[in-house]
Amino acid sequence: SDSDSIVLDTTAAVGTLVLRLADDSANLPSFVNFVNFAAAVETEDNDIVGYKVWEGAASDEPANWTSVTPDPSDPRILIDSLALSTGDGTKTINAKIQDIAGNVTTLTAVSVVLDQTAPVVTLSSDVSVISAESGFNTVTFACAATDTNSAEGLSYELKLGDDVIKSGALAASVAVT
């Protein structure tokens, strides 16, 4: 007599959302000043047939799945291009994947801060500090910067013509000589 076995798959697919630079060369930093990037849902499951990726709240989930063909040699799901909504601030990107049996991952989300507003730099100089040292005129001045989203990652460069003569991380303010 012939018999067939049927395996009931009720295990939810598992995946991690990874935001990448548009050329897929590196993971997206937590602060960005551009709106277009790539994404990948990394999974160990090789039977993924669909995904949903969207910006916003979990309740903004789109109704339809984007279909993909399972690839046992590379279970990553590469999403060619995503675009953030305009306006500075924290953006939340959500993802779900679905396997061939219809099992769906729990929601996975990643946040990124879009910062397209240039920091404000204030330079101050007290002319009385000009001094001659070793045959050179020296001016000491202070600079401070503020940013609408975060001062994290601000840096400065002091140039004389095309030559960088001093650079570094910018704290709340820095005195440059």
Protein backbone atom coordinates (compact mmCIF):
# COMPACT_ATOMS: atom_id res chain seq x y z
CA SER A 1 0.00 0.00 0.00
CA ASP A 2 1.16 3.52 -0.79
CA SER A 3 1.38 6.13 1.92
CA ASP A 4 2.45 9.73 1.97
CA SER A 5 3.73 11.78 4.86
CA ILE A 6 2.58 15.32 5.39
CA VAL A 7 4.55 17.62 7.64
CA LEU A 8 2.55 20.36 9.28
CA ASP A 9 4.74 23.48 9.46
CA THR A 10 3.46 25.85 12.15
CA THR A 11 6.80 27.40 13.04
CA ALA A 12 6.93 31.12 12.32
CA ALA A 13 9.62 32.31 9.98
CA VAL A 14 12.44 34.20 11.69
CA GLY A 15 14.14 37.25 10.22
CA THR A 16 16.14 40.33 11.13
CA LEU A 17 15.78 43.64 9.29
CA VAL A 18 19.13 45.15 8.30
CA LEU A 19 19.25 48.61 6.74
CA ARG A 20 22.12 49.02 4.27
CA LEU A 21 23.63 51.80 2.22
CA ALA A 22 22.09 51.96 -1.26
CA ASP A 23 25.10 50.15 -2.79
CA ASP A 24 24.79 47.36 -0.14
CA SER A 25 28.39 48.05 0.98
CA ALA A 26 27.75 48.66 4.68
CA ASN A 27 25.07 48.84 7.34
CA LEU A 28 23.23 52.13 7.63
CA PRO A 29 24.47 54.35 10.50
CA SER A 30 21.95 55.47 13.12
CA PHE A 31 22.05 59.06 11.79
CA VAL A 32 21.68 59.74 8.06
CA ASN A 33 21.30 62.81 5.88
CA PHE A 34 19.86 61.01 2.83
CA VAL A 35 16.51 59.35 2.25
CA ASN A 36 17.28 56.49 -0.17
CA PHE A 37 18.86 53.27 1.04
CA ALA A 38 18.66 49.51 0.66
CA ALA A 39 17.44 46.91 3.10
CA ALA A 40 17.79 43.20 3.65
CA VAL A 41 15.83 40.79 5.77
CA GLU A 42 18.31 38.22 6.96
CA THR A 43 16.89 34.81 7.73
CA GLU A 44 17.98 31.21 8.15
CA ASP A 45 14.76 30.03 6.49
CA ASN A 46 15.20 29.08 2.85
CA ASP A 47 11.50 28.89 2.07
CA ILE A 48 10.57 32.59 2.28
CA VAL A 49 8.00 33.60 -0.35
CA GLY A 50 7.05 37.14 0.64
CA TYR A 51 7.89 40.24 2.63
CA LYS A 52 6.44 43.54 3.78
CA VAL A 53 8.67 46.51 4.57
CA TRP A 54 7.21 49.90 5.49
CA GLU A 55 7.97 53.11 7.34
CA GLY A 56 5.78 54.23 10.20
CA ALA A 57 3.80 52.59 12.94
CA ALA A 58 3.04 48.87 13.10
CA SER A 59 -0.58 49.80 12.37
CA ASP A 60 0.52 51.25 8.98
CA GLU A 61 1.27 47.72 7.71
CA PRO A 62 0.45 47.36 4.01
CA ALA A 63 -2.21 44.82 3.05
CA ASN A 64 -0.23 43.09 0.29
CA TRP A 65 2.90 40.97 0.38
CA THR A 66 5.76 41.44 -2.08
CA SER A 67 6.48 38.02 -3.58
CA VAL A 68 9.96 36.54 -3.77
CA THR A 69 11.27 33.25 -5.09
CA PRO A 70 12.96 31.15 -2.40
CA ASP A 71 16.72 30.83 -2.93
CA PRO A 72 18.26 28.06 -0.78
CA SER A 73 21.77 29.36 -1.53
CA ASP A 74 21.03 32.87 -0.19
CA PRO A 75 18.12 33.17 2.22
CA ARG A 76 18.55 36.96 2.52
CA ILE A 77 15.74 38.98 1.02
CA LEU A 78 17.26 42.03 -0.61
CA ILE A 79 15.03 45.04 -1.01
CA ASP A 80 16.55 47.16 -3.75
CA SER A 81 15.52 50.60 -2.63
CA LEU A 82 13.59 52.22 0.16
CA ALA A 83 12.92 55.91 0.65
CA LEU A 84 12.27 57.62 3.94
CA SER A 85 9.54 60.21 4.25
CA THR A 86 10.73 63.80 4.20
CA GLY A 87 11.36 65.81 7.33
CA ASP A 88 14.06 65.48 9.97
CA GLY A 89 13.52 63.15 12.90
CA THR A 90 13.33 59.51 13.90
CA LYS A 91 11.99 57.16 11.22
CA THR A 92 10.90 53.60 12.02
CA ILE A 93 11.21 50.92 9.34
CA ASN A 94 9.24 47.71 9.92
CA ALA A 95 9.43 44.31 8.28
CA LYS A 96 7.70 40.95 8.24
CA ILE A 97 8.48 37.85 6.18
CA GLN A 98 6.27 34.91 5.25
CA ASP A 99 7.32 31.35 4.52
CA ILE A 100 5.82 28.97 1.98
CA ALA A 101 3.49 27.48 4.61
CA GLY A 102 2.04 30.94 5.37
CA ASN A 103 3.82 31.40 8.70
CA VAL A 104 4.70 35.03 9.40
CA THR A 105 7.47 36.53 11.52
CA THR A 106 6.73 38.79 14.40
CA LEU A 107 7.26 42.43 13.57
CA THR A 108 10.90 43.50 13.41
CA ALA A 109 11.70 47.21 13.43
CA VAL A 110 14.74 49.45 13.09
CA SER A 111 14.91 53.18 13.77
CA VAL A 112 17.12 55.71 12.05
CA VAL A 113 17.33 59.48 12.50
CA LEU A 114 17.04 61.53 9.33
CA ASP A 115 19.01 64.75 9.72
CA GLN A 116 19.13 66.93 6.61
CA THR A 117 19.47 70.22 8.48
CA ALA A 118 23.01 71.55 8.61
CA PRO A 119 24.39 72.29 12.07
CA VAL A 120 24.70 75.93 13.08
CA VAL A 121 28.31 76.95 13.70
CA THR A 122 29.24 80.01 15.71
CA LEU A 123 32.78 81.38 15.58
CA SER A 124 34.01 83.95 18.03
CA SER A 125 37.31 85.74 18.12
CA ASP A 126 38.74 88.24 20.52
CA VAL A 127 41.14 90.38 18.51
CA SER A 128 43.12 91.07 21.66
CA VAL A 129 44.41 87.50 21.61
CA ILE A 130 46.43 87.97 18.43
CA SER A 131 50.04 87.35 19.34
CA ALA A 132 53.31 86.84 17.54
CA GLU A 133 54.93 83.50 18.37
CA SER A 134 58.05 82.27 16.62
CA GLY A 135 57.56 84.81 13.86
CA PHE A 136 53.92 83.79 13.21
CA ASN A 137 50.77 85.69 14.03
CA THR A 138 48.48 83.50 16.13
CA VAL A 139 44.76 84.01 16.57
CA THR A 140 42.85 81.99 19.13
CA PHE A 141 39.13 81.66 18.58
CA ALA A 142 36.30 79.46 19.78
CA CYS A 143 33.67 77.70 17.77
CA ALA A 144 30.47 76.05 18.88
CA ALA A 145 27.90 74.06 16.95
CA THR A 146 24.31 73.07 17.55
CA ASP A 147 22.21 70.64 15.57
CA THR A 148 18.45 70.19 15.59
CA ASN A 149 18.60 66.41 15.98
CA SER A 150 21.84 65.70 17.79
CA ALA A 151 25.34 67.01 18.25
CA GLU A 152 26.57 63.41 17.97
CA GLY A 153 29.26 63.00 15.38
CA LEU A 154 29.96 66.69 14.75
CA SER A 155 33.53 67.45 13.75
CA TYR A 156 35.48 70.46 12.59
CA GLU A 157 38.24 71.25 10.12
CA LEU A 158 40.34 74.40 10.14
CA LYS A 159 41.79 75.06 6.68
CA LEU A 160 44.39 77.43 5.37
CA GLY A 161 43.66 77.45 1.66
CA ASP A 162 43.18 73.78 0.73
CA ASP A 163 45.32 72.49 3.60
CA VAL A 164 43.67 71.13 6.75
CA ILE A 165 45.74 72.49 9.63
CA LYS A 166 43.59 71.22 12.48
CA SER A 167 40.58 68.92 12.81
CA GLY A 168 38.79 66.89 15.40
CA ALA A 169 35.57 65.97 17.12
CA LEU A 170 33.49 68.92 18.14
CA ALA A 171 32.24 68.94 21.70
CA ALA A 172 29.81 71.61 22.83
CA SER A 173 32.54 74.11 21.99
CA VAL A 174 36.21 74.00 21.19
CA ALA A 175 39.02 76.55 21.32
CA VAL A 176 41.26 76.44 18.26
CA THR A 177 44.68 78.05 18.11
